[in-house]
Amino acid sequence: MPDLGVSLRAAREAAGVSLSAMAARTHYSKPLLGLLETGKRAIKPEHVTAYAHALNVSVGTPYGSPDDPLRVAHEWLVTDVPAEVHPAAGRRVGATLAGKLERRVIELRHLDDVIGGRDLFPLVREELISAQTVVRAASYTERTGRRLLTVVGELAQLAGWVASDAGHYTEAQRVYLSGVSAARDAGDHALAGQLLSSLSYQVANVGNPADAALLARSAVKGTQGTTTPVVRALLLERVAWAAARARDRDGTQRALDTVDDAYEQRSAGVEEPEWVYWLDRKEIDVMAGRCLIELGDPLTAEPLLSGAIAAYTPEHAREVALHQTWLAESYARAGVLDAALDTIARARRTARDVSSTRLDLRVRAVESLCLVR
């Protein structure tokens, strides 16, 4: 990535280290380092780590701002932080409160199935602030502390998701990254991966797909050996989507294949985290269909989308309408304009009472596509 290469060079030059000296310190060749710094060779986490060690700086320094998603992802990957919870002064709380907060997160998460982000975000944000205050101001045992930090991480994921749905992209990124910190402190690698992959999904939609792909792959790498089959499938879906948005056909197909492989490994004997309850075969088909549209294969996408839409119940209006926009796009790109116009009209009717900026933007974008065609 060119910007990261520039940052590596800036960090080296700020330390007064020549390229030849850096080659000696890192044991990488001078030509390779030159390619990395000019963005002509893909930069991997181990390259950034080598620079940080050679220059005696934090591994996050080459990434720049502490709020940069790529910096957070890299530090999460390479830093072995013990999950310690330090009791703070204040009212002592126990397992009863932790249990109530855990149940509240589940309630809010399921509300997201039927309420748009613009309506739900203020409520989730207040819940997140409240949970963060408990973690910061109360005292508790280490076990309870881990549970509270996990609640904060899960609320941060949900808050980021609904903020993004409401069009608050900067706020969503900030919340996602704060959740990564809480999940790390709780020792929940799968949740940290979910937060980063959720952010990668937003970046793929409204930012640089190359950044999204790096974040998504970091989430998969950082959770190796700690995830259940359905969680693995979810993280790999985000890799597939970022690859599709980057028009990487081979990378998309490989990721979609691994999604299917991971999902088929699920079993009744493996307990999945509650936050992955929604990922099922129809959702996987929808993502595959969307990827195919991005890669220019709308005819193959159509039956995947149609079958999934038919399986939804009416109360899931936002998801139905969103998937209808993709179905309409598949028709439009295949040149079946009557079906495209009919489907996007149905999507608009379905979306009528849904308070979702993400959905509004999709409907308008596909309507414009249909009119142009």
Protein backbone atom coordinates (compact mmCIF):
# COMPACT_ATOMS: atom_id res chain seq x y z
CA MET A 1 0.00 0.00 0.00
CA PRO A 2 1.66 3.27 -1.14
CA ASP A 3 0.69 5.36 1.91
CA LEU A 4 2.08 2.79 4.32
CA GLY A 5 5.27 2.60 2.27
CA VAL A 6 5.65 6.36 2.56
CA SER A 7 5.15 6.06 6.33
CA LEU A 8 7.84 3.38 6.58
CA ARG A 9 10.26 5.61 4.73
CA ALA A 10 9.33 8.62 6.87
CA ALA A 11 9.89 6.64 10.07
CA ARG A 12 13.29 5.46 8.83
CA GLU A 13 14.40 8.91 7.73
CA ALA A 14 13.15 10.50 10.96
CA ALA A 15 15.45 8.12 12.83
CA GLY A 16 18.36 9.07 10.57
CA VAL A 17 18.83 5.53 9.29
CA SER A 18 19.92 4.96 5.69
CA LEU A 19 18.33 2.30 3.50
CA SER A 20 21.58 0.32 3.59
CA ALA A 21 21.69 0.46 7.37
CA MET A 22 18.03 -0.58 7.57
CA ALA A 23 18.79 -3.59 5.37
CA ALA A 24 21.51 -4.61 7.78
CA ARG A 25 19.28 -4.15 10.82
CA THR A 26 16.26 -5.99 9.42
CA HIS A 27 18.08 -8.63 7.34
CA TYR A 28 15.86 -7.72 4.39
CA SER A 29 17.62 -6.79 1.14
CA LYS A 30 18.02 -3.13 0.22
CA PRO A 31 16.10 -3.60 -3.07
CA LEU A 32 13.18 -5.20 -1.22
CA LEU A 33 13.03 -2.36 1.29
CA GLY A 34 13.05 0.10 -1.59
CA LEU A 35 10.09 -1.67 -3.17
CA LEU A 36 8.21 -1.65 0.13
CA GLU A 37 8.80 2.05 0.71
CA THR A 38 7.67 2.99 -2.81
CA GLY A 39 4.53 0.85 -2.61
CA LYS A 40 5.68 -1.51 -5.36
CA ARG A 41 5.63 -4.56 -3.10
CA ALA A 42 2.84 -5.59 -0.73
CA ILE A 43 3.65 -4.72 2.88
CA LYS A 44 2.98 -7.45 5.43
CA PRO A 45 2.70 -7.09 9.22
CA GLU A 46 6.13 -8.67 9.67
CA HIS A 47 7.70 -5.91 7.56
CA VAL A 48 6.20 -3.22 9.78
CA THR A 49 7.32 -5.12 12.87
CA ALA A 50 10.88 -5.34 11.50
CA TYR A 51 10.95 -1.58 10.93
CA ALA A 52 9.59 -0.90 14.41
CA HIS A 53 12.19 -3.13 16.06
CA ALA A 54 15.04 -1.75 13.95
CA LEU A 55 14.07 1.84 14.72
CA ASN A 56 13.14 1.14 18.37
CA VAL A 57 9.64 2.57 17.98
CA SER A 58 6.13 1.28 18.63
CA VAL A 59 4.82 -1.14 16.03
CA GLY A 60 2.01 1.35 15.39
CA THR A 61 4.30 4.30 14.60
CA PRO A 62 4.61 3.65 10.84
CA TYR A 63 0.81 3.66 10.57
CA GLY A 64 0.52 7.20 11.85
CA SER A 65 -2.55 8.19 13.89
CA PRO A 66 -3.47 5.99 16.89
CA ASP A 67 -7.02 5.96 15.47
CA ASP A 68 -5.96 4.54 12.11
CA PRO A 69 -7.72 1.18 11.54
CA LEU A 70 -4.67 -0.42 9.95
CA ARG A 71 -2.53 0.55 12.93
CA VAL A 72 -5.05 -0.94 15.37
CA ALA A 73 -5.27 -4.12 13.31
CA HIS A 74 -1.49 -4.50 13.19
CA GLU A 75 -1.00 -3.90 16.90
CA TRP A 76 -3.74 -6.42 17.64
CA LEU A 77 -1.94 -8.97 15.48
CA VAL A 78 1.58 -8.58 16.83
CA THR A 79 1.15 -7.49 20.44
CA ASP A 80 0.74 -10.17 23.08
CA VAL A 81 -1.26 -8.30 25.70
CA PRO A 82 -2.31 -10.25 28.81
CA ALA A 83 -6.01 -9.86 29.46
CA GLU A 84 -5.84 -8.27 32.89
CA VAL A 85 -8.69 -6.41 34.56
CA HIS A 86 -7.69 -3.99 37.28
CA PRO A 87 -10.38 -3.21 39.88
CA ALA A 88 -11.12 0.48 40.12
CA ALA A 89 -12.39 2.52 42.99
CA GLY A 90 -16.15 2.75 43.25
CA ARG A 91 -19.22 0.62 43.73
CA ARG A 92 -18.50 -3.08 43.59
CA VAL A 93 -20.48 -4.99 40.98
CA GLY A 94 -20.80 -8.70 40.47
CA ALA A 95 -22.11 -11.44 38.27
CA THR A 96 -25.74 -10.28 38.56
CA LEU A 97 -25.09 -6.97 36.81
CA ALA A 98 -22.83 -8.65 34.25
CA GLY A 99 -25.64 -11.06 33.42
CA LYS A 100 -28.17 -8.26 33.03
CA LEU A 101 -25.87 -6.38 30.67
CA GLU A 102 -25.22 -9.52 28.63
CA ARG A 103 -28.93 -10.09 28.19
CA ARG A 104 -29.44 -6.45 27.27
CA VAL A 105 -26.87 -6.69 24.48
CA ILE A 106 -28.77 -9.65 23.01
CA GLU A 107 -32.05 -7.71 23.14
CA LEU A 108 -30.51 -4.74 21.35
CA ARG A 109 -28.83 -6.94 18.77
CA HIS A 110 -32.12 -8.55 17.84
CA LEU A 111 -33.80 -5.14 17.66
CA ASP A 112 -31.39 -4.38 14.83
CA ASP A 113 -33.24 -7.02 12.80
CA VAL A 114 -36.37 -4.89 12.72
CA ILE A 115 -35.31 -1.28 13.50
CA GLY A 116 -33.22 0.95 11.22
CA GLY A 117 -29.92 2.43 12.30
CA ARG A 118 -31.12 6.03 12.53
CA ASP A 119 -33.65 5.02 15.18
CA LEU A 120 -31.52 2.46 17.02
CA PHE A 121 -28.14 4.18 17.13
CA PRO A 122 -28.93 6.73 19.89
CA LEU A 123 -30.18 3.95 22.16
CA VAL A 124 -27.20 1.67 21.57
CA ARG A 125 -24.77 4.56 22.02
CA GLU A 126 -26.21 5.36 25.44
CA GLU A 127 -26.04 1.70 26.45
CA LEU A 128 -22.38 1.59 25.36
CA ILE A 129 -21.49 4.72 27.33
CA SER A 130 -23.21 3.26 30.39
CA ALA A 131 -21.31 -0.03 30.15
CA GLN A 132 -18.01 1.80 29.63
CA THR A 133 -18.71 3.85 32.75
CA VAL A 134 -19.26 0.68 34.79
CA VAL A 135 -15.95 -0.77 33.58
CA ARG A 136 -14.12 2.45 34.32
CA ALA A 137 -15.65 3.42 37.67
CA ALA A 138 -16.76 0.23 39.44
CA SER A 139 -14.76 -2.48 41.15
CA TYR A 140 -15.14 -6.17 40.40
CA THR A 141 -13.39 -9.51 40.29
CA GLU A 142 -11.21 -10.41 37.33
CA ARG A 143 -13.83 -12.87 36.04
CA THR A 144 -16.60 -10.28 36.22
CA GLY A 145 -14.31 -7.74 34.62
CA ARG A 146 -13.75 -9.95 31.61
CA ARG A 147 -17.50 -10.34 31.21
CA LEU A 148 -18.00 -6.58 31.43
CA LEU A 149 -15.27 -5.90 28.88
CA THR A 150 -16.85 -8.43 26.54
CA VAL A 151 -20.17 -6.59 26.91
CA VAL A 152 -18.42 -3.35 26.00
CA GLY A 153 -16.83 -5.01 22.97
CA GLU A 154 -20.15 -6.46 21.79
CA LEU A 155 -21.97 -3.16 22.33
CA ALA A 156 -19.21 -1.38 20.40
CA GLN A 157 -19.67 -3.79 17.49
CA LEU A 158 -23.41 -3.21 17.50
CA ALA A 159 -23.03 0.56 17.92
CA GLY A 160 -20.58 0.67 15.03
CA TRP A 161 -22.90 -1.40 12.87
CA VAL A 162 -25.99 0.76 13.47
CA ALA A 163 -23.94 3.97 13.21
CA SER A 164 -22.76 2.85 9.79
CA ASP A 165 -26.34 1.95 8.83
CA ALA A 166 -27.32 5.49 9.83
CA GLY A 167 -24.53 6.98 7.70
CA HIS A 168 -22.31 8.04 10.63
CA TYR A 169 -19.14 6.48 9.22
CA THR A 170 -16.55 8.36 11.29
CA GLU A 171 -18.40 7.60 14.51
CA ALA A 172 -18.73 3.96 13.47
CA GLN A 173 -14.98 3.66 12.93
CA ARG A 174 -14.23 5.27 16.30
CA VAL A 175 -16.59 2.94 18.12
CA TYR A 176 -15.35 -0.18 16.33
CA LEU A 177 -11.74 0.58 17.26
CA SER A 178 -12.65 1.25 20.91
CA GLY A 179 -14.35 -2.15 20.92
CA VAL A 180 -11.20 -3.86 19.66
CA SER A 181 -9.38 -2.57 22.72
CA ALA A 182 -12.09 -3.88 25.09
CA ALA A 183 -12.20 -7.27 23.36
CA ARG A 184 -8.43 -7.62 23.55
CA ASP A 185 -8.45 -6.80 27.26
CA ALA A 186 -11.18 -9.39 27.75
CA GLY A 187 -9.07 -11.99 25.92
CA ASP A 188 -11.81 -12.47 23.32
CA HIS A 189 -9.89 -12.78 20.03
CA ALA A 190 -12.97 -13.82 18.06
CA LEU A 191 -14.83 -10.67 19.12
CA ALA A 192 -11.84 -8.48 18.26
CA GLY A 193 -11.78 -10.11 14.84
CA GLN A 194 -15.50 -9.49 14.43
CA LEU A 195 -15.03 -5.79 15.21
CA LEU A 196 -12.20 -5.40 12.71
CA SER A 197 -14.04 -7.34 10.03
CA SER A 198 -17.16 -5.22 10.62
CA LEU A 199 -15.03 -2.14 10.07
CA SER A 200 -13.56 -3.71 6.94
CA TYR A 201 -17.10 -4.13 5.62
CA GLN A 202 -17.77 -0.42 6.06
CA VAL A 203 -14.45 0.50 4.46
CA ALA A 204 -15.18 -1.79 1.51
CA ASN A 205 -18.51 0.01 0.99
CA VAL A 206 -17.47 3.65 1.44
CA GLY A 207 -13.66 3.68 1.45
CA ASN A 208 -10.64 2.02 -0.12
CA PRO A 209 -11.24 -1.67 -0.91
CA ALA A 210 -7.51 -2.38 -0.53
CA ASP A 211 -7.63 -1.14 3.07
CA ALA A 212 -10.78 -3.19 3.61
CA ALA A 213 -9.09 -6.33 2.30
CA LEU A 214 -6.13 -5.82 4.63
CA LEU A 215 -8.40 -5.33 7.64
CA ALA A 216 -10.50 -8.38 6.74
CA ARG A 217 -7.45 -10.60 6.30
CA SER A 218 -5.99 -9.29 9.56
CA ALA A 219 -9.19 -10.30 11.33
CA VAL A 220 -8.90 -13.84 9.95
CA LYS A 221 -5.20 -14.12 10.74
CA GLY A 222 -5.54 -12.75 14.25
CA THR A 223 -8.26 -15.26 15.18
CA GLN A 224 -6.66 -18.43 13.82
CA GLY A 225 -7.22 -21.29 16.20
CA THR A 226 -9.74 -19.36 18.32
CA THR A 227 -12.87 -19.23 16.16
CA THR A 228 -15.85 -21.53 15.77
CA PRO A 229 -16.98 -22.61 12.27
CA VAL A 230 -19.75 -20.03 11.81
CA VAL A 231 -17.58 -17.19 13.13
CA ARG A 232 -14.86 -18.25 10.71
CA ALA A 233 -17.41 -18.21 7.89
CA LEU A 234 -18.47 -14.67 8.84
CA LEU A 235 -14.90 -13.34 8.91
CA LEU A 236 -14.17 -14.97 5.57
CA GLU A 237 -17.32 -13.41 4.07
CA ARG A 238 -15.84 -9.99 4.80
CA VAL A 239 -12.65 -11.06 3.00
CA ALA A 240 -14.73 -12.12 -0.01
CA TRP A 241 -16.64 -8.83 -0.11
CA ALA A 242 -13.50 -6.69 0.12
CA ALA A 243 -11.90 -8.76 -2.64
CA ALA A 244 -14.97 -8.39 -4.83
CA ARG A 245 -15.05 -4.63 -4.30
CA ALA A 246 -11.38 -4.57 -5.34
CA ARG A 247 -12.32 -6.60 -8.46
CA ASP A 248 -10.07 -9.45 -7.36
CA ARG A 249 -11.87 -12.37 -8.99
CA ASP A 250 -9.52 -15.14 -7.84
CA GLY A 251 -9.34 -13.79 -4.29
CA THR A 252 -13.12 -13.52 -4.12
CA GLN A 253 -13.68 -17.07 -5.31
CA ARG A 254 -11.10 -18.50 -2.90
CA ALA A 255 -12.72 -16.65 -0.01
CA LEU A 256 -16.23 -17.77 -0.97
CA ASP A 257 -15.03 -21.37 -1.16
CA THR A 258 -13.53 -21.14 2.32
CA VAL A 259 -16.78 -19.59 3.61
CA ASP A 260 -18.68 -22.67 2.43
CA ASP A 261 -16.04 -25.00 3.89
CA ALA A 262 -16.13 -23.27 7.28
CA TYR A 263 -19.92 -23.17 7.44
CA GLU A 264 -20.20 -26.88 6.64
CA GLN A 265 -18.01 -27.67 9.67
CA ARG A 266 -20.62 -26.34 12.12
CA SER A 267 -22.16 -28.87 14.49
CA ALA A 268 -24.53 -29.08 17.42
CA GLY A 269 -21.57 -29.87 19.68
CA VAL A 270 -19.83 -26.57 18.96
CA GLU A 271 -21.29 -23.56 20.77
CA GLU A 272 -21.24 -20.43 18.64
CA PRO A 273 -21.24 -16.91 20.14
CA GLU A 274 -24.69 -15.38 20.16
CA TRP A 275 -23.61 -12.49 17.93
CA VAL A 276 -23.32 -14.79 14.92
CA TYR A 277 -26.90 -16.09 15.21
CA TRP A 278 -28.02 -14.42 11.97
CA LEU A 279 -25.51 -16.02 9.62
CA ASP A 280 -27.20 -18.89 7.80
CA ARG A 281 -27.27 -20.41 4.33
CA LYS A 282 -29.47 -17.70 2.83
CA GLU A 283 -27.18 -14.93 4.10
CA ILE A 284 -24.18 -16.73 2.62
CA ASP A 285 -26.02 -17.04 -0.70
CA VAL A 286 -26.81 -13.31 -0.64
CA MET A 287 -23.16 -12.43 -0.11
CA ALA A 288 -22.11 -14.79 -2.90
CA GLY A 289 -24.67 -13.16 -5.18
CA ARG A 290 -23.48 -9.67 -4.33
CA CYS A 291 -19.88 -10.65 -5.02
CA LEU A 292 -20.86 -12.10 -8.38
CA ILE A 293 -22.58 -8.85 -9.34
CA GLU A 294 -19.47 -6.88 -8.40
CA LEU A 295 -17.42 -9.21 -10.61
CA GLY A 296 -19.74 -8.84 -13.59
CA ASP A 297 -21.71 -12.10 -13.40
CA PRO A 298 -25.29 -10.96 -12.65
CA LEU A 299 -27.03 -13.95 -14.26
CA THR A 300 -25.39 -16.39 -11.84
CA ALA A 301 -26.23 -14.08 -8.93
CA GLU A 302 -29.97 -13.87 -9.65
CA PRO A 303 -31.12 -17.32 -8.39
CA LEU A 304 -28.99 -16.98 -5.24
CA LEU A 305 -30.63 -13.66 -4.39
CA SER A 306 -34.16 -14.69 -5.35
CA GLY A 307 -34.04 -17.83 -3.24
CA ALA A 308 -32.70 -15.99 -0.19
CA ILE A 309 -35.27 -13.18 -0.41
CA ALA A 310 -38.12 -15.70 -0.52
CA ALA A 311 -36.92 -17.22 2.76
CA TYR A 312 -37.20 -14.00 4.81
CA THR A 313 -40.15 -13.14 7.02
CA PRO A 314 -41.86 -9.73 6.54
CA GLU A 315 -40.58 -8.12 9.75
CA HIS A 316 -37.03 -8.16 8.36
CA ALA A 317 -37.95 -5.27 6.06
CA ARG A 318 -34.50 -3.67 5.86
CA GLU A 319 -32.72 -6.88 4.88
CA VAL A 320 -35.43 -7.81 2.38
CA ALA A 321 -35.28 -4.36 0.79
CA LEU A 322 -31.48 -4.36 0.69
CA HIS A 323 -31.41 -7.77 -0.96
CA GLN A 324 -34.10 -6.63 -3.40
CA THR A 325 -31.81 -3.79 -4.46
CA TRP A 326 -29.11 -6.32 -5.28
CA LEU A 327 -31.60 -8.45 -7.18
CA ALA A 328 -32.69 -5.37 -9.12
CA GLU A 329 -29.06 -4.58 -9.88
CA SER A 330 -28.50 -8.13 -11.15
CA TYR A 331 -31.45 -7.71 -13.55
CA ALA A 332 -30.26 -4.27 -14.67
CA ARG A 333 -26.72 -5.42 -15.38
CA ALA A 334 -28.07 -8.44 -17.26
CA GLY A 335 -30.18 -6.13 -19.41
CA VAL A 336 -33.56 -7.31 -18.08
CA LEU A 337 -34.84 -3.79 -17.45
CA ASP A 338 -38.52 -4.55 -16.84
CA ALA A 339 -37.64 -6.95 -14.03
CA ALA A 340 -35.06 -4.49 -12.68
CA LEU A 341 -37.56 -1.62 -12.52
CA ASP A 342 -40.24 -3.81 -10.96
CA THR A 343 -37.83 -5.15 -8.33
CA ILE A 344 -36.42 -1.76 -7.33
CA ALA A 345 -39.99 -0.44 -7.04
CA ARG A 346 -40.75 -3.31 -4.66
CA ALA A 347 -37.59 -2.49 -2.71
CA ARG A 348 -38.70 1.12 -2.33
CA ARG A 349 -42.11 0.01 -1.04
CA THR A 350 -40.50 -2.43 1.38
CA ALA A 351 -38.13 0.29 2.62
CA ARG A 352 -40.87 2.87 3.15
CA ASP A 353 -40.92 2.73 6.95
CA VAL A 354 -37.29 1.70 7.53
CA SER A 355 -35.00 4.36 9.01
CA SER A 356 -31.75 3.31 7.32
CA THR A 357 -29.40 5.62 5.43
CA ARG A 358 -27.59 2.61 4.01
CA LEU A 359 -30.84 1.35 2.51
CA ASP A 360 -31.88 4.78 1.21
CA LEU A 361 -28.56 5.19 -0.60
CA ARG A 362 -28.79 1.73 -2.13
CA VAL A 363 -32.32 2.28 -3.44
CA ARG A 364 -31.37 5.61 -5.04
CA ALA A 365 -28.17 4.19 -6.55
CA VAL A 366 -29.95 1.22 -8.14
CA GLU A 367 -32.83 3.39 -9.35
CA SER A 368 -30.29 5.59 -11.11
CA LEU A 369 -28.62 2.52 -12.62
CA CYS A 370 -31.96 1.26 -13.95
CA LEU A 371 -32.79 4.64 -15.51
CA VAL A 372 -29.37 4.92 -17.15
CA ARG A 373 -29.74 1.45 -18.63
